[in-house]
Amino acid sequence: MNEMTVGDDFKADASNWPASHPKVSHGRIGVLLLNLGTPDATSYWPMRRYLHEFLSDRRVIEEPRWLWWPLLNLIILTTRPSRKGKDYDTIWNKELDEGPLKTITRNQANALAERLKGNPEIIVDWAMRYANPSTESRLKYLQEQGCEKILLLPLYPQYAAATSATACDQAFRALMKMRWQPAVRVAPRYHDDPAYIEAVAKSIENHLTGLDFKPQKLIATFHGMPQKYLDKGDPYHCQCQKTSRLLRERLGWSTENWLTTFQSRFGNDPWLQPYTDETVKRLAREGVKNITLVAPGFSADCLETLEELEGENREIFEHNGGEKFSYVPALNDSDLGNQVIEAIVRRELMGWI
């Protein structure tokens, strides 16, 4: 790694520059994987801190502050931390004492670093929008390692203001504090990227091969958002629909047996429909006995997939007459998933390496 002195590019006369001025590493390229976040623990106060940071984000909750703050601080943050902490405890990585999203994202970063190790100029790291490791701390680390150029990769296949945009917002806030900012690129959404579609399709094929039944219906379920966000121009819904269509066409499923739904709604406002839980219940009551769910909007399994889909929706289906239920794991840190991340990063680094 190269070293240079601050001001090397600007000094007209080196003899006038103080001999004691600091040395600065330079010449490297950073790649920072960004994901949503996970609480530091499942007990009340860590959960409260995490939920407070998450639900205070104006990208996530667009309600007027005068209306939202009393509801958040007096009701939600009083009751929800304990309940959500119990949910997190059902999926918690007890060995590492962390949420699975943190474990998987770290593994994804390590795998990418291994795949790019032929270029010693590149440093790969990872960060969370909410909780730890913070985006600011990892950007500072990359800069300290001499990264003059940094690629940000939000690990959200479909763009949404409440996910991709807020991850970038947090990075930009950190950059505002830097005297010497690195050059920055942001990888775009990859909802229709051929490498991504092929990887998810293969993961579905591999999963179905291992089942002892053939699902009558396959549901592609995506995280929901309030309908009014779509009405304001958020492209997320359209990109989810395109992802689902491309997967269905690639796998050769009929429109009758392939459904697209939205999960994880919160509050009383209408969200994107049809809702996943209501669809699962309806299918079971209509006599459908075997279904499979896949969540193509998640790059890593987390509470919304492991506890909500694999747990709650399985229970809903079986309680209402369904018999065979399966969930296709997210790409996670599998070879297929790592191939997608590598393909995107190599493409976005063109011109830098």
Protein backbone atom coordinates (compact mmCIF):
# COMPACT_ATOMS: atom_id res chain seq x y z
CA MET A 1 0.00 0.00 0.00
CA ASN A 2 1.25 3.46 -0.84
CA GLU A 3 1.69 6.31 1.57
CA MET A 4 1.65 9.99 0.85
CA THR A 5 1.86 13.13 2.92
CA VAL A 6 -1.13 15.41 3.23
CA GLY A 7 -0.66 18.11 0.65
CA ASP A 8 1.72 16.23 -1.69
CA ASP A 9 -0.42 17.18 -4.67
CA PHE A 10 -0.52 20.83 -3.70
CA LYS A 11 2.89 21.82 -2.29
CA ALA A 12 4.84 24.15 -4.52
CA ASP A 13 7.88 24.00 -2.27
CA ALA A 14 8.34 20.89 -0.10
CA SER A 15 10.86 22.70 2.05
CA ASN A 16 8.09 24.91 3.41
CA TRP A 17 5.95 21.93 4.57
CA PRO A 18 6.34 20.86 8.23
CA ALA A 19 8.33 17.64 8.58
CA SER A 20 5.94 16.39 11.26
CA HIS A 21 2.71 16.55 9.25
CA PRO A 22 0.74 13.24 9.21
CA LYS A 23 1.16 10.39 6.77
CA VAL A 24 -1.96 9.18 4.96
CA SER A 25 -2.43 5.82 3.29
CA HIS A 26 -3.85 5.95 -0.22
CA GLY A 27 -4.41 4.10 -3.46
CA ARG A 28 -6.94 1.50 -2.35
CA ILE A 29 -10.55 0.80 -3.29
CA GLY A 30 -13.20 -0.08 -0.71
CA VAL A 31 -16.33 -2.16 -1.20
CA LEU A 32 -18.93 -1.74 1.56
CA LEU A 33 -21.88 -4.14 1.74
CA LEU A 34 -24.87 -2.48 3.40
CA ASN A 35 -27.80 -4.25 5.04
CA LEU A 36 -30.69 -3.26 7.27
CA GLY A 37 -29.52 -4.12 10.77
CA THR A 38 -30.23 -6.27 13.78
CA PRO A 39 -30.44 -5.56 17.52
CA ASP A 40 -27.35 -6.11 19.66
CA ALA A 41 -29.33 -8.44 21.94
CA THR A 42 -32.89 -9.68 22.42
CA SER A 43 -33.49 -8.15 25.84
CA TYR A 44 -35.67 -5.09 26.37
CA TRP A 45 -33.19 -2.20 26.18
CA PRO A 46 -31.16 -3.36 23.16
CA MET A 47 -34.44 -4.05 21.36
CA ARG A 48 -35.76 -0.63 22.34
CA ARG A 49 -32.63 1.11 21.06
CA TYR A 50 -32.81 -0.75 17.78
CA LEU A 51 -36.53 -0.12 17.27
CA HIS A 52 -36.13 3.53 18.23
CA GLU A 53 -33.44 4.07 15.61
CA PHE A 54 -35.36 2.13 12.97
CA LEU A 55 -38.79 3.63 13.58
CA SER A 56 -37.40 7.18 13.93
CA ASP A 57 -36.13 7.08 10.35
CA ARG A 58 -38.16 9.49 8.24
CA ARG A 59 -37.62 7.23 5.22
CA VAL A 60 -39.31 4.35 7.06
CA ILE A 61 -42.13 6.24 8.77
CA GLU A 62 -43.31 9.25 6.79
CA GLU A 63 -45.98 10.34 9.24
CA PRO A 64 -45.82 13.92 10.61
CA ARG A 65 -43.55 14.04 13.68
CA TRP A 66 -46.24 15.61 15.85
CA LEU A 67 -48.42 12.58 15.22
CA TRP A 68 -45.76 9.86 15.19
CA TRP A 69 -43.51 10.81 18.14
CA PRO A 70 -46.10 10.41 20.93
CA LEU A 71 -47.27 7.10 19.45
CA LEU A 72 -43.71 5.83 19.06
CA ASN A 73 -42.33 6.89 22.43
CA LEU A 74 -45.37 6.40 24.65
CA ILE A 75 -46.87 3.23 23.22
CA ILE A 76 -44.76 1.37 20.64
CA LEU A 77 -41.40 1.61 22.42
CA THR A 78 -43.06 0.63 25.68
CA THR A 79 -44.72 -2.56 24.50
CA ARG A 80 -43.04 -3.70 21.28
CA PRO A 81 -39.42 -4.32 22.46
CA SER A 82 -40.36 -7.24 24.72
CA ARG A 83 -42.61 -8.84 22.12
CA LYS A 84 -40.15 -8.48 19.26
CA GLY A 85 -37.32 -9.61 21.52
CA LYS A 86 -39.11 -12.93 22.02
CA ASP A 87 -39.48 -13.26 18.24
CA TYR A 88 -35.78 -12.55 17.69
CA ASP A 89 -34.89 -15.09 20.36
CA THR A 90 -36.45 -17.86 18.26
CA ILE A 91 -33.98 -17.24 15.41
CA TRP A 92 -30.98 -15.89 17.37
CA ASN A 93 -27.51 -17.26 16.61
CA LYS A 94 -26.78 -18.44 20.14
CA GLU A 95 -23.22 -19.50 19.33
CA LEU A 96 -22.16 -16.02 18.16
CA ASP A 97 -24.81 -14.19 20.22
CA GLU A 98 -26.10 -12.20 17.28
CA GLY A 99 -28.95 -12.10 14.79
CA PRO A 100 -28.65 -14.24 11.64
CA LEU A 101 -28.62 -11.15 9.43
CA LYS A 102 -25.34 -10.08 11.01
CA THR A 103 -23.82 -13.55 10.69
CA ILE A 104 -24.82 -13.91 7.05
CA THR A 105 -23.77 -10.40 5.99
CA ARG A 106 -20.34 -10.90 7.58
CA ASN A 107 -20.00 -14.20 5.72
CA GLN A 108 -21.01 -12.54 2.46
CA ALA A 109 -18.31 -9.90 2.93
CA ASN A 110 -15.69 -12.51 3.77
CA ALA A 111 -16.65 -14.57 0.71
CA LEU A 112 -16.46 -11.52 -1.54
CA ALA A 113 -13.04 -10.61 -0.15
CA GLU A 114 -11.85 -14.13 -0.94
CA ARG A 115 -13.20 -13.91 -4.48
CA LEU A 116 -11.46 -10.56 -5.04
CA LYS A 117 -8.20 -11.39 -3.29
CA GLY A 118 -6.36 -11.37 -6.61
CA ASN A 119 -6.50 -7.58 -6.46
CA PRO A 120 -4.70 -6.41 -3.29
CA GLU A 121 -5.95 -2.86 -3.82
CA ILE A 122 -9.51 -3.86 -2.86
CA ILE A 123 -10.74 -3.97 0.74
CA VAL A 124 -14.18 -5.43 1.46
CA ASP A 125 -16.19 -4.54 4.55
CA TRP A 126 -19.82 -4.58 5.72
CA ALA A 127 -22.12 -2.38 7.77
CA MET A 128 -25.68 -2.03 9.01
CA ARG A 129 -28.03 0.89 8.56
CA TYR A 130 -29.35 0.42 12.09
CA ALA A 131 -27.34 -0.73 15.13
CA ASN A 132 -23.88 -2.24 14.66
CA PRO A 133 -21.46 -2.24 12.95
CA SER A 134 -22.46 1.27 11.96
CA THR A 135 -22.05 2.63 8.45
CA GLU A 136 -20.04 5.59 9.75
CA SER A 137 -17.54 3.40 11.61
CA ARG A 138 -16.87 1.18 8.59
CA LEU A 139 -16.51 4.08 6.16
CA LYS A 140 -14.02 5.63 8.54
CA TYR A 141 -12.13 2.34 8.70
CA LEU A 142 -11.98 2.03 4.91
CA GLN A 143 -10.69 5.57 4.63
CA GLU A 144 -8.03 4.87 7.25
CA GLN A 145 -6.93 1.85 5.19
CA GLY A 146 -6.24 4.14 2.25
CA CYS A 147 -9.46 3.75 0.28
CA GLU A 148 -9.73 6.77 -1.97
CA LYS A 149 -12.63 5.20 -3.84
CA ILE A 150 -15.52 3.33 -2.21
CA LEU A 151 -18.33 1.31 -3.79
CA LEU A 152 -21.50 1.12 -1.70
CA LEU A 153 -23.63 -1.96 -2.33
CA PRO A 154 -27.04 -1.89 -0.61
CA LEU A 155 -28.04 -5.56 -0.45
CA TYR A 156 -31.61 -4.92 -1.59
CA PRO A 157 -32.45 -6.34 -5.04
CA GLN A 158 -35.44 -4.00 -5.38
CA TYR A 159 -35.00 -0.28 -4.70
CA ALA A 160 -37.14 1.38 -2.05
CA ALA A 161 -36.75 4.69 -0.27
CA ALA A 162 -37.11 2.88 3.07
CA THR A 163 -34.24 0.47 2.32
CA SER A 164 -31.76 1.42 -0.42
CA ALA A 165 -32.19 5.17 -0.05
CA THR A 166 -31.89 5.29 3.72
CA ALA A 167 -28.76 3.11 3.57
CA CYS A 168 -27.20 5.66 1.22
CA ASP A 169 -28.46 8.55 3.35
CA GLN A 170 -26.55 7.15 6.30
CA ALA A 171 -23.39 6.78 4.25
CA PHE A 172 -23.70 10.34 2.93
CA ARG A 173 -24.16 11.68 6.46
CA ALA A 174 -20.90 10.01 7.41
CA LEU A 175 -19.15 11.44 4.35
CA MET A 176 -20.27 14.93 5.35
CA LYS A 177 -18.03 14.68 8.42
CA MET A 178 -14.91 13.78 6.45
CA ARG A 179 -12.42 16.46 5.55
CA TRP A 180 -10.93 14.29 2.80
CA GLN A 181 -13.83 12.46 1.19
CA PRO A 182 -13.26 9.38 -0.95
CA ALA A 183 -14.88 9.15 -4.37
CA VAL A 184 -18.08 7.16 -3.98
CA ARG A 185 -20.23 5.00 -6.24
CA VAL A 186 -23.55 3.39 -5.33
CA ALA A 187 -24.45 0.09 -6.98
CA PRO A 188 -27.97 0.27 -8.44
CA ARG A 189 -30.87 -2.07 -7.72
CA TYR A 190 -30.49 -5.49 -9.31
CA HIS A 191 -34.05 -6.79 -9.34
CA ASP A 192 -33.82 -7.84 -13.01
CA ASP A 193 -30.10 -8.58 -13.23
CA PRO A 194 -29.66 -11.87 -15.15
CA ALA A 195 -27.16 -13.18 -12.58
CA TYR A 196 -29.61 -12.53 -9.75
CA ILE A 197 -32.62 -14.02 -11.52
CA GLU A 198 -30.66 -17.11 -12.48
CA ALA A 199 -29.31 -17.60 -8.96
CA VAL A 200 -32.75 -17.32 -7.32
CA ALA A 201 -34.26 -19.61 -9.97
CA LYS A 202 -31.58 -22.25 -9.36
CA SER A 203 -32.08 -21.99 -5.60
CA ILE A 204 -35.81 -22.66 -6.10
CA GLU A 205 -35.08 -25.62 -8.38
CA ASN A 206 -32.62 -27.07 -5.88
CA HIS A 207 -35.12 -26.64 -3.06
CA LEU A 208 -38.00 -28.26 -4.95
CA THR A 209 -35.81 -31.22 -5.88
CA GLY A 210 -35.29 -31.95 -2.20
CA LEU A 211 -38.98 -31.96 -1.28
CA ASP A 212 -41.12 -35.06 -0.90
CA PHE A 213 -44.05 -33.25 -2.52
CA LYS A 214 -44.76 -30.99 -5.50
CA PRO A 215 -46.27 -27.65 -4.44
CA GLN A 216 -49.59 -26.79 -6.01
CA LYS A 217 -48.85 -23.10 -5.59
CA LEU A 218 -45.60 -21.18 -5.36
CA ILE A 219 -45.78 -17.79 -3.68
CA ALA A 220 -43.15 -15.12 -4.29
CA THR A 221 -43.50 -12.93 -1.21
CA PHE A 222 -41.88 -9.52 -0.79
CA HIS A 223 -41.64 -7.19 2.17
CA GLY A 224 -44.57 -4.82 2.10
CA MET A 225 -44.79 -1.04 2.27
CA PRO A 226 -47.69 1.39 2.71
CA GLN A 227 -49.72 1.84 -0.46
CA LYS A 228 -49.25 5.60 -0.19
CA TYR A 229 -45.48 5.21 -0.74
CA LEU A 230 -46.23 3.63 -4.12
CA ASP A 231 -48.71 6.42 -4.85
CA LYS A 232 -45.94 8.95 -4.16
CA GLY A 233 -43.74 7.35 -6.81
CA ASP A 234 -41.66 4.68 -5.07
CA PRO A 235 -40.64 2.11 -7.74
CA TYR A 236 -40.45 -0.82 -5.32
CA HIS A 237 -43.79 -2.44 -6.19
CA CYS A 238 -43.08 -2.43 -9.91
CA GLN A 239 -39.63 -3.92 -9.42
CA CYS A 240 -41.02 -6.68 -7.19
CA GLN A 241 -43.56 -7.55 -9.85
CA LYS A 242 -40.86 -7.70 -12.51
CA THR A 243 -38.64 -9.92 -10.38
CA SER A 244 -41.55 -12.28 -9.79
CA ARG A 245 -42.47 -12.38 -13.48
CA LEU A 246 -38.90 -13.06 -14.60
CA LEU A 247 -38.56 -15.89 -12.08
CA ARG A 248 -41.88 -17.42 -13.11
CA GLU A 249 -40.93 -17.29 -16.78
CA ARG A 250 -37.47 -18.70 -16.13
CA LEU A 251 -38.95 -21.63 -14.15
CA GLY A 252 -41.84 -22.22 -16.54
CA TRP A 253 -44.66 -21.87 -14.01
CA SER A 254 -48.16 -20.80 -15.04
CA THR A 255 -49.72 -17.57 -13.83
CA GLU A 256 -52.41 -19.69 -12.15
CA ASN A 257 -49.97 -21.48 -9.87
CA TRP A 258 -47.49 -18.66 -9.25
CA LEU A 259 -48.58 -15.86 -6.92
CA THR A 260 -46.98 -12.58 -5.87
CA THR A 261 -47.77 -11.25 -2.39
CA PHE A 262 -46.52 -8.79 0.25
CA GLN A 263 -45.81 -9.40 3.92
CA SER A 264 -44.87 -7.65 7.19
CA ARG A 265 -47.41 -4.83 7.27
CA PHE A 266 -47.42 -2.51 10.26
CA GLY A 267 -50.07 -0.08 11.48
CA ASN A 268 -53.58 0.55 10.18
CA ASP A 269 -52.94 2.08 6.75
CA PRO A 270 -53.45 -0.09 3.66
CA TRP A 271 -50.23 -1.70 2.44
CA LEU A 272 -49.29 -3.31 -0.86
CA GLN A 273 -51.61 -6.20 -1.62
CA PRO A 274 -52.35 -9.07 -1.75
CA TYR A 275 -51.12 -9.81 1.77
CA THR A 276 -49.07 -12.97 2.20
CA ASP A 277 -50.71 -14.22 5.39
CA GLU A 278 -54.23 -13.72 4.05
CA THR A 279 -53.31 -15.45 0.78
CA VAL A 280 -51.86 -18.43 2.63
CA LYS A 281 -55.00 -18.70 4.75
CA ARG A 282 -57.28 -18.40 1.71
CA LEU A 283 -55.45 -21.09 -0.24
CA ALA A 284 -55.61 -23.52 2.67
CA ARG A 285 -59.33 -22.93 3.14
CA GLU A 286 -59.90 -23.42 -0.60
CA GLY A 287 -58.39 -26.88 -0.39
CA VAL A 288 -54.83 -26.29 -1.53
CA LYS A 289 -52.74 -28.82 0.40
CA ASN A 290 -49.17 -28.10 -0.68
CA ILE A 291 -47.43 -24.73 -1.09
CA THR A 292 -43.92 -23.28 -1.23
CA LEU A 293 -42.88 -19.72 -0.39
CA VAL A 294 -39.83 -17.86 -1.70
CA ALA A 295 -38.74 -14.35 -0.68
CA PRO A 296 -36.75 -12.85 -3.59
CA GLY A 297 -36.49 -9.45 -1.93
CA PHE A 298 -34.20 -10.67 0.84
CA SER A 299 -30.48 -11.17 0.25
CA ALA A 300 -30.20 -12.81 3.68
CA ASP A 301 -32.60 -14.60 5.97
CA CYS A 302 -33.77 -12.60 8.96
CA LEU A 303 -36.74 -12.17 11.28
CA GLU A 304 -39.15 -11.50 8.40
CA THR A 305 -38.28 -14.78 6.69
CA LEU A 306 -37.30 -17.21 9.44
CA GLU A 307 -39.87 -16.24 12.03
CA GLU A 308 -42.65 -14.73 9.93
CA LEU A 309 -42.61 -16.91 6.80
CA GLU A 310 -41.12 -20.17 8.04
CA GLY A 311 -42.90 -19.90 11.38
CA GLU A 312 -46.09 -17.83 11.35
CA ASN A 313 -47.21 -18.53 7.80
CA ARG A 314 -46.54 -22.24 8.14
CA GLU A 315 -48.74 -22.24 11.22
CA ILE A 316 -51.47 -20.28 9.42
CA PHE A 317 -51.43 -22.71 6.49
CA GLU A 318 -51.51 -25.86 8.59
CA HIS A 319 -54.10 -24.47 11.01
CA ASN A 320 -56.49 -23.80 8.13
CA GLY A 321 -56.25 -27.21 6.49
CA GLY A 322 -52.97 -27.13 4.60
CA GLU A 323 -50.66 -30.13 4.80
CA LYS A 324 -47.27 -29.57 3.13
CA PHE A 325 -45.48 -26.24 3.51
CA SER A 326 -41.93 -25.22 2.61
CA TYR A 327 -39.89 -22.04 2.49
CA VAL A 328 -37.01 -21.55 0.04
CA PRO A 329 -34.09 -20.01 1.98
CA ALA A 330 -32.70 -16.69 0.80
CA LEU A 331 -29.50 -16.81 -1.25
CA ASN A 332 -27.60 -15.91 1.93
CA ASP A 333 -23.88 -16.72 1.79
CA SER A 334 -24.34 -19.68 -0.55
CA ASP A 335 -22.22 -20.03 -3.67
CA LEU A 336 -25.18 -18.82 -5.72
CA GLY A 337 -25.62 -15.76 -3.54
CA ASN A 338 -21.93 -14.96 -3.48
CA GLN A 339 -21.77 -15.23 -7.28
CA VAL A 340 -24.45 -12.55 -7.56
CA ILE A 341 -22.65 -10.15 -5.23
CA GLU A 342 -19.34 -10.73 -7.03
CA ALA A 343 -20.92 -10.15 -10.45
CA ILE A 344 -22.45 -6.84 -9.33
CA VAL A 345 -19.26 -5.63 -7.64
CA ARG A 346 -17.00 -6.50 -10.57
CA ARG A 347 -19.34 -4.70 -12.96
CA GLU A 348 -19.60 -1.58 -10.79
CA LEU A 349 -15.83 -1.41 -10.24
CA MET A 350 -15.14 -1.20 -13.97
CA GLY A 351 -13.05 1.87 -14.67
CA TRP A 352 -11.59 1.78 -11.16
CA ILE A 353 -9.72 -1.50 -11.58
